[in-house]
Amino acid sequence: MPDLSDLRAEAEALVRRCQAAGLRIATAESCTGGLVAAAITGINDASAVFDRGFVTYANEAKMEMLGVPAALIAEHGAVSEPVAIAMAEGALAHAPVDIAVAITGIAGPGGGTPEKPVGLVHFATARKGAPTRHMVHIFEDLGRDTIRHAATRQALLLLMEMAASG
């Protein structure tokens, strides 16, 4: 498991921003396997803003826990913009929170294709009363842990943007 200590500043800033704004957070994670939730809950007083994390590694979990339609996964694949958006909106719908982030990607070392290479990660952020946002990034393939760590950092930054946009 990657050392999350260098993510502390981003996670702490996020917790403080959400405390000040009265916002609650949920995460919907696939390839990061709960690392975003771990980074946030490593901060003192995170319980004031963090409600829950959905670790939905399997497609069935995405469907059962977040309400992602099976047809969406079948048509686009689990690592796609529509699925990331459905995951974020599902987290928002299935938790008493104001903002949510979703992460789905290919951390490797296997699983990549020419169309969806190792390092491809889709992110989505959702906030009550605002349009859901999507971002895609292809991280350099420097190994599974490095990709997961970089995706965790990006998710924290996207949550901070969403918290600041209100």
Protein backbone atom coordinates (compact mmCIF):
# COMPACT_ATOMS: atom_id res chain seq x y z
CA MET A 1 0.00 0.00 0.00
CA PRO A 2 1.38 3.42 -0.89
CA ASP A 3 2.38 5.81 1.86
CA LEU A 4 -0.37 8.42 2.03
CA SER A 5 1.50 10.84 4.30
CA ASP A 6 2.39 13.15 1.42
CA LEU A 7 -1.34 13.55 0.68
CA ARG A 8 -1.95 14.90 4.16
CA ALA A 9 -1.85 18.58 3.17
CA GLU A 10 -4.46 18.12 0.41
CA ALA A 11 -6.69 16.02 2.65
CA GLU A 12 -6.39 18.44 5.56
CA ALA A 13 -7.21 21.44 3.36
CA LEU A 14 -10.24 19.57 2.04
CA VAL A 15 -11.50 18.68 5.52
CA ARG A 16 -11.07 22.28 6.72
CA ARG A 17 -12.80 23.71 3.61
CA CYS A 18 -15.74 21.33 4.02
CA GLN A 19 -15.99 22.09 7.74
CA ALA A 20 -16.13 25.82 7.02
CA ALA A 21 -18.75 25.32 4.30
CA GLY A 22 -20.78 22.74 6.20
CA LEU A 23 -20.31 20.12 3.46
CA ARG A 24 -20.32 16.33 3.83
CA ILE A 25 -18.36 13.99 1.54
CA ALA A 26 -18.69 10.49 0.10
CA THR A 27 -16.30 8.63 -2.17
CA ALA A 28 -16.99 5.96 -4.82
CA GLU A 29 -13.73 4.21 -5.58
CA SER A 30 -12.74 1.42 -7.89
CA CYS A 31 -9.05 1.37 -8.87
CA THR A 32 -8.00 3.33 -5.76
CA GLY A 33 -9.63 0.77 -3.50
CA GLY A 34 -10.46 3.19 -0.69
CA LEU A 35 -7.25 5.24 -0.69
CA VAL A 36 -9.14 8.54 -1.05
CA ALA A 37 -11.30 7.66 1.96
CA ALA A 38 -8.17 6.60 3.86
CA ALA A 39 -6.43 9.90 3.12
CA ILE A 40 -9.44 11.91 4.28
CA THR A 41 -10.06 9.86 7.41
CA GLY A 42 -6.40 10.21 8.36
CA ILE A 43 -7.17 13.83 9.27
CA ASN A 44 -8.31 14.80 12.76
CA ASP A 45 -11.99 15.81 12.81
CA ALA A 46 -12.64 14.15 9.42
CA SER A 47 -15.78 12.64 10.95
CA ALA A 48 -17.31 16.12 10.84
CA VAL A 49 -17.30 16.01 7.03
CA PHE A 50 -16.69 12.45 5.81
CA ASP A 51 -19.76 10.22 5.75
CA ARG A 52 -18.75 7.08 3.84
CA GLY A 53 -16.70 5.51 1.12
CA PHE A 54 -18.04 3.02 -1.40
CA VAL A 55 -15.29 0.67 -2.60
CA THR A 56 -16.88 -0.75 -5.72
CA TYR A 57 -14.09 -2.70 -7.35
CA ALA A 58 -16.35 -5.25 -9.05
CA ASN A 59 -18.96 -4.27 -11.61
CA GLU A 60 -21.61 -5.95 -9.48
CA ALA A 61 -20.68 -3.66 -6.57
CA LYS A 62 -21.01 -0.60 -8.80
CA MET A 63 -24.49 -1.77 -9.74
CA GLU A 64 -25.64 -2.90 -6.29
CA MET A 65 -24.15 -0.16 -4.10
CA LEU A 66 -24.30 2.85 -6.43
CA GLY A 67 -27.09 1.98 -8.85
CA VAL A 68 -24.87 2.04 -11.94
CA PRO A 69 -26.98 0.49 -14.73
CA ALA A 70 -25.65 -2.83 -16.06
CA ALA A 71 -26.37 -1.62 -19.60
CA LEU A 72 -24.06 1.37 -19.07
CA ILE A 73 -21.18 -0.91 -18.05
CA ALA A 74 -21.93 -3.31 -20.91
CA GLU A 75 -21.98 -0.51 -23.49
CA HIS A 76 -19.06 1.63 -22.31
CA GLY A 77 -17.03 -0.56 -19.95
CA ALA A 78 -16.42 0.08 -16.27
CA VAL A 79 -13.56 2.45 -17.09
CA SER A 80 -15.47 5.18 -18.91
CA GLU A 81 -16.92 8.65 -18.55
CA PRO A 82 -20.55 7.49 -18.26
CA VAL A 83 -19.73 4.98 -15.53
CA ALA A 84 -17.63 7.48 -13.55
CA ILE A 85 -20.50 9.97 -13.70
CA ALA A 86 -23.04 7.31 -12.66
CA MET A 87 -20.78 6.31 -9.76
CA ALA A 88 -20.48 9.89 -8.47
CA GLU A 89 -24.19 10.54 -8.83
CA GLY A 90 -24.92 7.17 -7.20
CA ALA A 91 -22.75 8.04 -4.20
CA LEU A 92 -24.57 11.35 -3.86
CA ALA A 93 -27.93 9.56 -4.08
CA HIS A 94 -27.04 6.75 -1.64
CA ALA A 95 -25.47 8.84 1.13
CA PRO A 96 -26.57 11.90 3.11
CA VAL A 97 -23.80 14.06 1.62
CA ASP A 98 -23.33 17.23 -0.38
CA ILE A 99 -20.37 16.25 -2.59
CA ALA A 100 -18.97 13.02 -3.96
CA VAL A 101 -16.05 11.87 -6.06
CA ALA A 102 -15.82 8.74 -8.19
CA ILE A 103 -12.70 7.08 -9.55
CA THR A 104 -12.55 4.22 -12.06
CA GLY A 105 -9.45 3.25 -13.97
CA ILE A 106 -6.78 0.78 -14.97
CA ALA A 107 -3.92 0.71 -12.48
CA GLY A 108 -2.14 -2.25 -14.05
CA PRO A 109 0.09 -3.99 -14.46
CA GLY A 110 -2.39 -5.87 -16.68
CA GLY A 111 -5.81 -5.01 -18.00
CA GLY A 112 -4.78 -2.30 -20.43
CA THR A 113 -5.63 -2.23 -24.13
CA PRO A 114 -4.62 0.17 -26.91
CA GLU A 115 -7.98 1.96 -26.43
CA LYS A 116 -7.80 1.88 -22.62
CA PRO A 117 -4.15 1.77 -21.54
CA VAL A 118 -2.76 1.15 -18.09
CA GLY A 119 -2.87 4.52 -16.31
CA LEU A 120 -6.24 5.58 -17.76
CA VAL A 121 -8.43 6.93 -14.96
CA HIS A 122 -11.86 8.56 -15.17
CA PHE A 123 -12.97 10.87 -12.36
CA ALA A 124 -16.33 12.45 -11.68
CA THR A 125 -17.44 14.87 -9.00
CA ALA A 126 -21.03 15.51 -8.05
CA ARG A 127 -22.55 18.17 -5.84
CA LYS A 128 -26.18 18.63 -4.88
CA GLY A 129 -27.72 21.30 -7.09
CA ALA A 130 -24.80 21.45 -9.54
CA PRO A 131 -23.89 19.66 -12.78
CA THR A 132 -21.69 16.58 -12.40
CA ARG A 133 -18.16 17.12 -13.67
CA HIS A 134 -15.95 14.59 -15.44
CA MET A 135 -12.20 14.48 -15.93
CA VAL A 136 -10.03 11.85 -17.58
CA HIS A 137 -6.30 11.45 -17.08
CA ILE A 138 -3.74 9.00 -18.39
CA PHE A 139 -1.06 8.64 -15.73
CA GLU A 140 2.37 7.44 -16.75
CA ASP A 141 2.69 3.70 -16.19
CA LEU A 142 5.20 3.78 -13.33
CA GLY A 143 3.54 0.87 -11.57
CA ARG A 144 0.26 0.08 -9.89
CA ASP A 145 0.99 1.82 -6.59
CA THR A 146 2.18 4.99 -8.34
CA ILE A 147 -0.95 5.18 -10.51
CA ARG A 148 -3.25 4.59 -7.53
CA HIS A 149 -1.41 7.22 -5.48
CA ALA A 150 -1.56 9.79 -8.29
CA ALA A 151 -5.26 9.10 -8.81
CA THR A 152 -5.87 9.56 -5.08
CA ARG A 153 -4.15 12.96 -5.16
CA GLN A 154 -6.17 14.01 -8.21
CA ALA A 155 -9.43 12.97 -6.53
CA LEU A 156 -8.59 15.04 -3.43
CA LEU A 157 -7.88 18.07 -5.63
CA LEU A 158 -11.15 17.59 -7.53
CA LEU A 159 -13.09 17.34 -4.27
CA MET A 160 -11.44 20.58 -3.14
CA GLU A 161 -12.53 22.29 -6.37
CA MET A 162 -16.07 21.00 -5.88
CA ALA A 163 -16.13 22.18 -2.25
CA ALA A 164 -14.87 25.61 -3.28
CA SER A 165 -17.37 25.99 -6.12
CA GLY A 166 -20.37 26.56 -3.89
